PDB file of N, CA and C in Angstrom:
ATOM      1  N   MET A   1     -11.275   2.158  -5.432  1.00  0.00           N
ATOM      2  CA  MET A   1     -11.740   1.121  -4.552  1.00  0.00           C
ATOM      3  C   MET A   1     -10.660   0.840  -3.512  1.00  0.00           C
ATOM      4  N   ALA A   2     -11.015   0.997  -2.269  1.00  0.00           N
ATOM      5  CA  ALA A   2     -10.066   0.735  -1.186  1.00  0.00           C
ATOM      6  C   ALA A   2     -10.217  -0.705  -0.721  1.00  0.00           C
ATOM      7  N   ILE A   3      -9.112  -1.395  -0.696  1.00  0.00           N
ATOM      8  CA  ILE A   3      -9.105  -2.782  -0.241  1.00  0.00           C
ATOM      9  C   ILE A   3      -8.541  -2.785   1.172  1.00  0.00           C
ATOM     10  N   PRO A   4      -9.253  -3.404   2.105  1.00  0.00           N
ATOM     11  CA  PRO A   4      -8.760  -3.444   3.475  1.00  0.00           C
ATOM     12  C   PRO A   4      -7.368  -4.082   3.563  1.00  0.00           C
ATOM     13  N   ASP A   5      -6.485  -3.435   4.295  1.00  0.00           N
ATOM     14  CA  ASP A   5      -5.116  -3.918   4.429  1.00  0.00           C
ATOM     15  C   ASP A   5      -5.072  -5.330   5.010  1.00  0.00           C
ATOM     16  N   GLU A   6      -6.017  -5.646   5.868  1.00  0.00           N
ATOM     17  CA  GLU A   6      -6.069  -6.986   6.460  1.00  0.00           C
ATOM     18  C   GLU A   6      -6.275  -8.046   5.372  1.00  0.00           C
ATOM     19  N   GLN A   7      -7.149  -7.771   4.414  1.00  0.00           N
ATOM     20  CA  GLN A   7      -7.365  -8.720   3.312  1.00  0.00           C
ATOM     21  C   GLN A   7      -6.103  -8.860   2.466  1.00  0.00           C
ATOM     22  N   ILE A   8      -5.449  -7.744   2.203  1.00  0.00           N
ATOM     23  CA  ILE A   8      -4.216  -7.782   1.417  1.00  0.00           C
ATOM     24  C   ILE A   8      -3.180  -8.645   2.123  1.00  0.00           C
ATOM     25  N   ARG A   9      -3.008  -8.440   3.418  1.00  0.00           N
ATOM     26  CA  ARG A   9      -2.020  -9.220   4.182  1.00  0.00           C
ATOM     27  C   ARG A   9      -2.340 -10.712   4.171  1.00  0.00           C
ATOM     28  N   LYS A  10      -3.626 -11.052   4.269  1.00  0.00           N
ATOM     29  CA  LYS A  10      -4.023 -12.460   4.261  1.00  0.00           C
ATOM     30  C   LYS A  10      -3.720 -13.110   2.912  1.00  0.00           C
ATOM     31  N   VAL A  11      -4.040 -12.422   1.834  1.00  0.00           N
ATOM     32  CA  VAL A  11      -3.769 -12.966   0.501  1.00  0.00           C
ATOM     33  C   VAL A  11      -2.265 -13.042   0.265  1.00  0.00           C
ATOM     34  N   MET A  12      -1.530 -12.039   0.723  1.00  0.00           N
ATOM     35  CA  MET A  12      -0.065 -12.079   0.621  1.00  0.00           C
ATOM     36  C   MET A  12       0.491 -13.322   1.320  1.00  0.00           C
ATOM     37  N   ALA A  13      -0.035 -13.632   2.491  1.00  0.00           N
ATOM     38  CA  ALA A  13       0.442 -14.792   3.243  1.00  0.00           C
ATOM     39  C   ALA A  13       0.195 -16.088   2.471  1.00  0.00           C
ATOM     40  N   VAL A  14      -0.970 -16.200   1.848  1.00  0.00           N
ATOM     41  CA  VAL A  14      -1.288 -17.397   1.059  1.00  0.00           C
ATOM     42  C   VAL A  14      -0.357 -17.492  -0.146  1.00  0.00           C
ATOM     43  N   LEU A  15      -0.166 -16.377  -0.834  1.00  0.00           N
ATOM     44  CA  LEU A  15       0.707 -16.383  -2.008  1.00  0.00           C
ATOM     45  C   LEU A  15       2.158 -16.669  -1.630  1.00  0.00           C
ATOM     46  N   THR A  16       2.611 -16.120  -0.520  1.00  0.00           N
ATOM     47  CA  THR A  16       3.978 -16.356  -0.068  1.00  0.00           C
ATOM     48  C   THR A  16       4.178 -17.821   0.301  1.00  0.00           C
ATOM     49  N   GLU A  17       3.195 -18.402   0.967  1.00  0.00           N
ATOM     50  CA  GLU A  17       3.272 -19.823   1.320  1.00  0.00           C
ATOM     51  C   GLU A  17       3.280 -20.686   0.050  1.00  0.00           C
ATOM     52  N   TRP A  18       2.441 -20.362  -0.904  1.00  0.00           N
ATOM     53  CA  TRP A  18       2.357 -21.101  -2.170  1.00  0.00           C
ATOM     54  C   TRP A  18       3.638 -20.904  -2.981  1.00  0.00           C
ATOM     55  N   ASN A  19       4.097 -19.672  -3.046  1.00  0.00           N
ATOM     56  CA  ASN A  19       5.318 -19.270  -3.737  1.00  0.00           C
ATOM     57  C   ASN A  19       5.425 -19.834  -5.158  1.00  0.00           C
ATOM     58  N   PRO A  20       4.561 -19.360  -6.062  1.00  0.00           N
ATOM     59  CA  PRO A  20       4.575 -19.888  -7.434  1.00  0.00           C
ATOM     60  C   PRO A  20       5.900 -19.664  -8.159  1.00  0.00           C
ATOM     61  N   LEU A  21       6.709 -18.740  -7.695  1.00  0.00           N
ATOM     62  CA  LEU A  21       8.005 -18.489  -8.316  1.00  0.00           C
ATOM     63  C   LEU A  21       9.077 -19.479  -7.877  1.00  0.00           C
ATOM     64  N   GLY A  22       8.858 -20.150  -6.782  1.00  0.00           N
ATOM     65  CA  GLY A  22       9.864 -21.077  -6.266  1.00  0.00           C
ATOM     66  C   GLY A  22      11.148 -20.339  -5.928  1.00  0.00           C
ATOM     67  N   ALA A  23      12.281 -20.935  -6.275  1.00  0.00           N
ATOM     68  CA  ALA A  23      13.591 -20.352  -5.969  1.00  0.00           C
ATOM     69  C   ALA A  23      13.801 -19.018  -6.667  1.00  0.00           C
ATOM     70  N   ARG A  24      13.094 -18.805  -7.765  1.00  0.00           N
ATOM     71  CA  ARG A  24      13.225 -17.556  -8.512  1.00  0.00           C
ATOM     72  C   ARG A  24      12.756 -16.340  -7.695  1.00  0.00           C
ATOM     73  N   ALA A  25      11.968 -16.575  -6.654  1.00  0.00           N
ATOM     74  CA  ALA A  25      11.470 -15.481  -5.819  1.00  0.00           C
ATOM     75  C   ALA A  25      12.610 -14.671  -5.213  1.00  0.00           C
ATOM     76  N   ASN A  26      13.733 -15.325  -4.951  1.00  0.00           N
ATOM     77  CA  ASN A  26      14.887 -14.637  -4.357  1.00  0.00           C
ATOM     78  C   ASN A  26      15.549 -13.670  -5.322  1.00  0.00           C
ATOM     79  N   THR A  27      15.282 -13.797  -6.596  1.00  0.00           N
ATOM     80  CA  THR A  27      15.928 -12.951  -7.596  1.00  0.00           C
ATOM     81  C   THR A  27      15.124 -11.702  -7.941  1.00  0.00           C
ATOM     82  N   ILE A  28      13.907 -11.598  -7.409  1.00  0.00           N
ATOM     83  CA  ILE A  28      13.047 -10.458  -7.731  1.00  0.00           C
ATOM     84  C   ILE A  28      13.126  -9.454  -6.586  1.00  0.00           C
ATOM     85  N   ARG A  29      13.749  -8.315  -6.878  1.00  0.00           N
ATOM     86  CA  ARG A  29      14.029  -7.315  -5.850  1.00  0.00           C
ATOM     87  C   ARG A  29      12.784  -6.738  -5.196  1.00  0.00           C
ATOM     88  N   ASP A  30      11.778  -6.395  -5.967  1.00  0.00           N
ATOM     89  CA  ASP A  30      10.607  -5.711  -5.414  1.00  0.00           C
ATOM     90  C   ASP A  30       9.402  -6.629  -5.245  1.00  0.00           C
ATOM     91  N   LEU A  31       9.631  -7.887  -4.961  1.00  0.00           N
ATOM     92  CA  LEU A  31       8.545  -8.854  -4.801  1.00  0.00           C
ATOM     93  C   LEU A  31       7.630  -8.478  -3.641  1.00  0.00           C
ATOM     94  N   ASP A  32       8.209  -8.041  -2.516  1.00  0.00           N
ATOM     95  CA  ASP A  32       7.441  -7.587  -1.350  1.00  0.00           C
ATOM     96  C   ASP A  32       6.369  -8.593  -0.932  1.00  0.00           C
ATOM     97  N   ASN A  33       6.762  -9.865  -0.867  1.00  0.00           N
ATOM     98  CA  ASN A  33       5.846 -10.931  -0.446  1.00  0.00           C
ATOM     99  C   ASN A  33       4.550 -10.969  -1.255  1.00  0.00           C
ATOM    100  N   TYR A  34       4.663 -10.700  -2.544  1.00  0.00           N
ATOM    101  CA  TYR A  34       3.532 -10.772  -3.476  1.00  0.00           C
ATOM    102  C   TYR A  34       2.443  -9.728  -3.191  1.00  0.00           C
ATOM    103  N   ARG A  35       2.813  -8.592  -2.616  1.00  0.00           N
ATOM    104  CA  ARG A  35       1.819  -7.569  -2.287  1.00  0.00           C
ATOM    105  C   ARG A  35       1.078  -7.053  -3.524  1.00  0.00           C
ATOM    106  N   THR A  36       1.789  -6.690  -4.558  1.00  0.00           N
ATOM    107  CA  THR A  36       1.149  -6.160  -5.766  1.00  0.00           C
ATOM    108  C   THR A  36       0.193  -7.189  -6.352  1.00  0.00           C
ATOM    109  N   GLU A  37       0.611  -8.434  -6.384  1.00  0.00           N
ATOM    110  CA  GLU A  37      -0.226  -9.492  -6.939  1.00  0.00           C
ATOM    111  C   GLU A  37      -1.455  -9.733  -6.062  1.00  0.00           C
ATOM    112  N   ALA A  38      -1.292  -9.634  -4.750  1.00  0.00           N
ATOM    113  CA  ALA A  38      -2.430  -9.786  -3.839  1.00  0.00           C
ATOM    114  C   ALA A  38      -3.472  -8.703  -4.107  1.00  0.00           C
ATOM    115  N   VAL A  39      -3.019  -7.480  -4.273  1.00  0.00           N
ATOM    116  CA  VAL A  39      -3.945  -6.376  -4.570  1.00  0.00           C
ATOM    117  C   VAL A  39      -4.629  -6.611  -5.913  1.00  0.00           C
ATOM    118  N   ASP A  40      -3.857  -6.993  -6.924  1.00  0.00           N
ATOM    119  CA  ASP A  40      -4.435  -7.260  -8.244  1.00  0.00           C
ATOM    120  C   ASP A  40      -5.480  -8.365  -8.185  1.00  0.00           C
ATOM    121  N   ILE A  41      -5.184  -9.417  -7.452  1.00  0.00           N
ATOM    122  CA  ILE A  41      -6.142 -10.520  -7.315  1.00  0.00           C
ATOM    123  C   ILE A  41      -7.406 -10.043  -6.631  1.00  0.00           C
ATOM    124  N   LEU A  42      -7.263  -9.306  -5.537  1.00  0.00           N
ATOM    125  CA  LEU A  42      -8.438  -8.822  -4.808  1.00  0.00           C
ATOM    126  C   LEU A  42      -9.291  -7.882  -5.657  1.00  0.00           C
ATOM    127  N   VAL A  43      -8.652  -6.991  -6.405  1.00  0.00           N
ATOM    128  CA  VAL A  43      -9.396  -6.079  -7.274  1.00  0.00           C
ATOM    129  C   VAL A  43     -10.147  -6.868  -8.341  1.00  0.00           C
ATOM    130  N   ASN A  44      -9.455  -7.795  -8.990  1.00  0.00           N
ATOM    131  CA  ASN A  44     -10.089  -8.585 -10.038  1.00  0.00           C
ATOM    132  C   ASN A  44     -11.199  -9.473  -9.505  1.00  0.00           C
ATOM    133  N   LEU A  45     -11.020 -10.021  -8.314  1.00  0.00           N
ATOM    134  CA  LEU A  45     -12.080 -10.831  -7.718  1.00  0.00           C
ATOM    135  C   LEU A  45     -13.308  -9.987  -7.401  1.00  0.00           C
ATOM    136  N   SER A  46     -13.094  -8.772  -6.933  1.00  0.00           N
ATOM    137  CA  SER A  46     -14.239  -7.920  -6.601  1.00  0.00           C
ATOM    138  C   SER A  46     -14.981  -7.473  -7.855  1.00  0.00           C
ATOM    139  N   ILE A  47     -14.256  -7.325  -8.955  1.00  0.00           N
ATOM    140  CA  ILE A  47     -14.889  -6.928 -10.218  1.00  0.00           C
ATOM    141  C   ILE A  47     -15.654  -8.086 -10.834  1.00  0.00           C
ATOM    142  N   SER A  48     -15.085  -9.286 -10.791  1.00  0.00           N
ATOM    143  CA  SER A  48     -15.694 -10.425 -11.471  1.00  0.00           C
ATOM    144  C   SER A  48     -16.676 -11.211 -10.606  1.00  0.00           C
ATOM    145  N   ALA A  49     -16.693 -10.955  -9.307  1.00  0.00           N
ATOM    146  CA  ALA A  49     -17.580 -11.709  -8.415  1.00  0.00           C
ATOM    147  C   ALA A  49     -19.034 -11.365  -8.721  1.00  0.00           C
ATOM    148  N   PRO A  50     -19.947 -12.270  -8.601  1.00  0.00           N
ATOM    149  CA  PRO A  50     -19.802 -13.672  -8.228  1.00  0.00           C
ATOM    150  C   PRO A  50     -19.634 -14.610  -9.423  1.00  0.00           C
ATOM    151  N   ILE A  51     -19.633 -14.083 -10.635  1.00  0.00           N
ATOM    152  CA  ILE A  51     -19.611 -14.958 -11.805  1.00  0.00           C
ATOM    153  C   ILE A  51     -18.216 -15.401 -12.222  1.00  0.00           C
ATOM    154  N   GLY A  52     -17.190 -14.693 -11.773  1.00  0.00           N
ATOM    155  CA  GLY A  52     -15.826 -15.023 -12.174  1.00  0.00           C
ATOM    156  C   GLY A  52     -15.302 -16.260 -11.474  1.00  0.00           C
ATOM    157  N   ASN A  53     -14.355 -16.910 -12.107  1.00  0.00           N
ATOM    158  CA  ASN A  53     -13.707 -18.077 -11.528  1.00  0.00           C
ATOM    159  C   ASN A  53     -12.434 -17.601 -10.837  1.00  0.00           C
ATOM    160  N   PRO A  54     -12.377 -17.691  -9.505  1.00  0.00           N
ATOM    161  CA  PRO A  54     -11.202 -17.205  -8.781  1.00  0.00           C
ATOM    162  C   PRO A  54      -9.891 -17.858  -9.224  1.00  0.00           C
ATOM    163  N   ALA A  55      -9.919 -19.135  -9.580  1.00  0.00           N
ATOM    164  CA  ALA A  55      -8.691 -19.796 -10.034  1.00  0.00           C
ATOM    165  C   ALA A  55      -8.187 -19.163 -11.330  1.00  0.00           C
ATOM    166  N   VAL A  56      -9.111 -18.757 -12.197  1.00  0.00           N
ATOM    167  CA  VAL A  56      -8.733 -18.106 -13.454  1.00  0.00           C
ATOM    168  C   VAL A  56      -8.131 -16.733 -13.168  1.00  0.00           C
ATOM    169  N   VAL A  57      -8.721 -16.014 -12.235  1.00  0.00           N
ATOM    170  CA  VAL A  57      -8.192 -14.695 -11.857  1.00  0.00           C
ATOM    171  C   VAL A  57      -6.765 -14.841 -11.348  1.00  0.00           C
ATOM    172  N   ILE A  58      -6.545 -15.774 -10.457  1.00  0.00           N
ATOM    173  CA  ILE A  58      -5.210 -15.987  -9.890  1.00  0.00           C
ATOM    174  C   ILE A  58      -4.233 -16.409 -10.981  1.00  0.00           C
ATOM    175  N   GLN A  59      -4.654 -17.316 -11.825  1.00  0.00           N
ATOM    176  CA  GLN A  59      -3.811 -17.774 -12.935  1.00  0.00           C
ATOM    177  C   GLN A  59      -3.382 -16.604 -13.807  1.00  0.00           C
ATOM    178  N   GLU A  60      -4.335 -15.773 -14.200  1.00  0.00           N
ATOM    179  CA  GLU A  60      -4.023 -14.652 -15.089  1.00  0.00           C
ATOM    180  C   GLU A  60      -3.110 -13.634 -14.421  1.00  0.00           C
ATOM    181  N   VAL A  61      -3.380 -13.287 -13.173  1.00  0.00           N
ATOM    182  CA  VAL A  61      -2.570 -12.292 -12.472  1.00  0.00           C
ATOM    183  C   VAL A  61      -1.132 -12.789 -12.304  1.00  0.00           C
ATOM    184  N   ILE A  62      -0.976 -14.004 -11.816  1.00  0.00           N
ATOM    185  CA  ILE A  62       0.369 -14.524 -11.554  1.00  0.00           C
ATOM    186  C   ILE A  62       1.129 -14.765 -12.858  1.00  0.00           C
ATOM    187  N   ASN A  63       0.462 -15.337 -13.849  1.00  0.00           N
ATOM    188  CA  ASN A  63       1.134 -15.581 -15.132  1.00  0.00           C
ATOM    189  C   ASN A  63       1.581 -14.281 -15.785  1.00  0.00           C
ATOM    190  N   GLN A  64       0.733 -13.270 -15.758  1.00  0.00           N
ATOM    191  CA  GLN A  64       1.099 -11.987 -16.363  1.00  0.00           C
ATOM    192  C   GLN A  64       2.202 -11.296 -15.582  1.00  0.00           C
ATOM    193  N   ALA A  65       2.135 -11.359 -14.278  1.00  0.00           N
ATOM    194  CA  ALA A  65       3.113 -10.658 -13.451  1.00  0.00           C
ATOM    195  C   ALA A  65       4.517 -11.238 -13.593  1.00  0.00           C
ATOM    196  N   PHE A  66       4.598 -12.552 -13.762  1.00  0.00           N
ATOM    197  CA  PHE A  66       5.914 -13.198 -13.716  1.00  0.00           C
ATOM    198  C   PHE A  66       6.249 -14.011 -14.960  1.00  0.00           C
ATOM    199  N   ASP A  67       5.444 -13.876 -15.989  1.00  0.00           N
ATOM    200  CA  ASP A  67       5.680 -14.599 -17.237  1.00  0.00           C
ATOM    201  C   ASP A  67       5.779 -16.102 -16.984  1.00  0.00           C
ATOM    202  N   LEU A  68       4.815 -16.605 -16.213  1.00  0.00           N
ATOM    203  CA  LEU A  68       4.743 -18.035 -15.931  1.00  0.00           C
ATOM    204  C   LEU A  68       3.690 -18.682 -16.824  1.00  0.00           C
ATOM    205  N   SER A  69       3.571 -19.977 -16.724  1.00  0.00           N
ATOM    206  CA  SER A  69       2.575 -20.721 -17.494  1.00  0.00           C
ATOM    207  C   SER A  69       1.782 -21.646 -16.582  1.00  0.00           C
ATOM    208  N   LEU A  70       1.279 -21.087 -15.489  1.00  0.00           N
ATOM    209  CA  LEU A  70       0.491 -21.887 -14.566  1.00  0.00           C
ATOM    210  C   LEU A  70      -0.834 -22.264 -15.215  1.00  0.00           C
ATOM    211  N   SER A  71      -1.295 -23.470 -14.937  1.00  0.00           N
ATOM    212  CA  SER A  71      -2.601 -23.903 -15.415  1.00  0.00           C
ATOM    213  C   SER A  71      -3.652 -23.531 -14.362  1.00  0.00           C
ATOM    214  N   ILE A  72      -4.899 -23.642 -14.735  1.00  0.00           N
ATOM    215  CA  ILE A  72      -5.971 -23.400 -13.761  1.00  0.00           C
ATOM    216  C   ILE A  72      -5.850 -24.406 -12.620  1.00  0.00           C
ATOM    217  N   GLU A  73      -5.510 -25.633 -12.951  1.00  0.00           N
ATOM    218  CA  GLU A  73      -5.357 -26.666 -11.925  1.00  0.00           C
ATOM    219  C   GLU A  73      -4.270 -26.291 -10.916  1.00  0.00           C
ATOM    220  N   ASP A  74      -3.217 -25.630 -11.387  1.00  0.00           N
ATOM    221  CA  ASP A  74      -2.155 -25.176 -10.484  1.00  0.00           C
ATOM    222  C   ASP A  74      -2.676 -24.162  -9.472  1.00  0.00           C
ATOM    223  N   CYS A  75      -3.745 -23.483  -9.822  1.00  0.00           N
ATOM    224  CA  CYS A  75      -4.238 -22.363  -9.015  1.00  0.00           C
ATOM    225  C   CYS A  75      -5.477 -22.695  -8.184  1.00  0.00           C
ATOM    226  N   VAL A  76      -6.046 -23.867  -8.363  1.00  0.00           N
ATOM    227  CA  VAL A  76      -7.297 -24.209  -7.682  1.00  0.00           C
ATOM    228  C   VAL A  76      -7.134 -24.239  -6.166  1.00  0.00           C
ATOM    229  N   CYS A  77      -6.098 -24.887  -5.669  1.00  0.00           N
ATOM    230  CA  CYS A  77      -5.919 -25.017  -4.219  1.00  0.00           C
ATOM    231  C   CYS A  77      -5.729 -23.649  -3.558  1.00  0.00           C
ATOM    232  N   VAL A  78      -4.871 -22.830  -4.139  1.00  0.00           N
ATOM    233  CA  VAL A  78      -4.636 -21.497  -3.571  1.00  0.00           C
ATOM    234  C   VAL A  78      -5.894 -20.642  -3.702  1.00  0.00           C
ATOM    235  N   SER A  79      -6.639 -20.852  -4.761  1.00  0.00           N
ATOM    236  CA  SER A  79      -7.899 -20.129  -4.952  1.00  0.00           C
ATOM    237  C   SER A  79      -8.871 -20.444  -3.819  1.00  0.00           C
ATOM    238  N   ARG A  80      -8.958 -21.693  -3.466  1.00  0.00           N
ATOM    239  CA  ARG A  80      -9.860 -22.096  -2.372  1.00  0.00           C
ATOM    240  C   ARG A  80      -9.426 -21.467  -1.053  1.00  0.00           C
ATOM    241  N   LYS A  81      -8.117 -21.459  -0.799  1.00  0.00           N
ATOM    242  CA  LYS A  81      -7.609 -20.853   0.434  1.00  0.00           C
ATOM    243  C   LYS A  81      -7.953 -19.370   0.496  1.00  0.00           C
ATOM    244  N   ILE A  82      -7.776 -18.686  -0.616  1.00  0.00           N
ATOM    245  CA  ILE A  82      -8.071 -17.250  -0.652  1.00  0.00           C
ATOM    246  C   ILE A  82      -9.564 -17.017  -0.478  1.00  0.00           C
ATOM    247  N   GLN A  83     -10.391 -17.803  -1.131  1.00  0.00           N
ATOM    248  CA  GLN A  83     -11.836 -17.650  -0.989  1.00  0.00           C
ATOM    249  C   GLN A  83     -12.264 -17.863   0.465  1.00  0.00           C
ATOM    250  N   GLU A  84     -11.687 -18.862   1.121  1.00  0.00           N
ATOM    251  CA  GLU A  84     -12.017 -19.121   2.526  1.00  0.00           C
ATOM    252  C   GLU A  84     -11.644 -17.940   3.404  1.00  0.00           C
ATOM    253  N   LEU A  85     -10.475 -17.361   3.156  1.00  0.00           N
ATOM    254  CA  LEU A  85     -10.038 -16.193   3.922  1.00  0.00           C
ATOM    255  C   LEU A  85     -10.987 -15.019   3.741  1.00  0.00           C
ATOM    256  N   LEU A  86     -11.430 -14.818   2.515  1.00  0.00           N
ATOM    257  CA  LEU A  86     -12.277 -13.668   2.219  1.00  0.00           C
ATOM    258  C   LEU A  86     -13.684 -13.837   2.762  1.00  0.00           C
ATOM    259  N   THR A  87     -14.152 -15.056   2.879  1.00  0.00           N
ATOM    260  CA  THR A  87     -15.497 -15.250   3.430  1.00  0.00           C
ATOM    261  C   THR A  87     -15.486 -15.120   4.951  1.00  0.00           C
ATOM    262  N   VAL A  88     -14.322 -15.348   5.564  1.00  0.00           N
ATOM    263  CA  VAL A  88     -14.171 -15.210   7.017  1.00  0.00           C
ATOM    264  C   VAL A  88     -14.000 -13.747   7.387  1.00  0.00           C
ATOM    265  N   SER A  89     -13.365 -12.955   6.510  1.00  0.00           N
ATOM    266  CA  SER A  89     -13.058 -11.538   6.812  1.00  0.00           C
ATOM    267  C   SER A  89     -14.288 -10.719   7.058  1.00  0.00           C
TER     268      SER A  89
END
């Protein structure tokens, strides 16, 4: 499945602005502005749509990638931003 680079860049921008890692982001060498996580989120959203909960997808991807403990509530706002971007694309 090919994901348009424009969508990846948009999701990367949202994740970078949100920055769930906080100051720890500076310690991760290959973070690449959350590119891998953006792709993972987009793939998972396309697989689970329309029945999947985007906040849950984001929570699972980010928590697994960085060993965090974000709640669904932590991910709702960023989920809405990503959904808005994808409906405009």
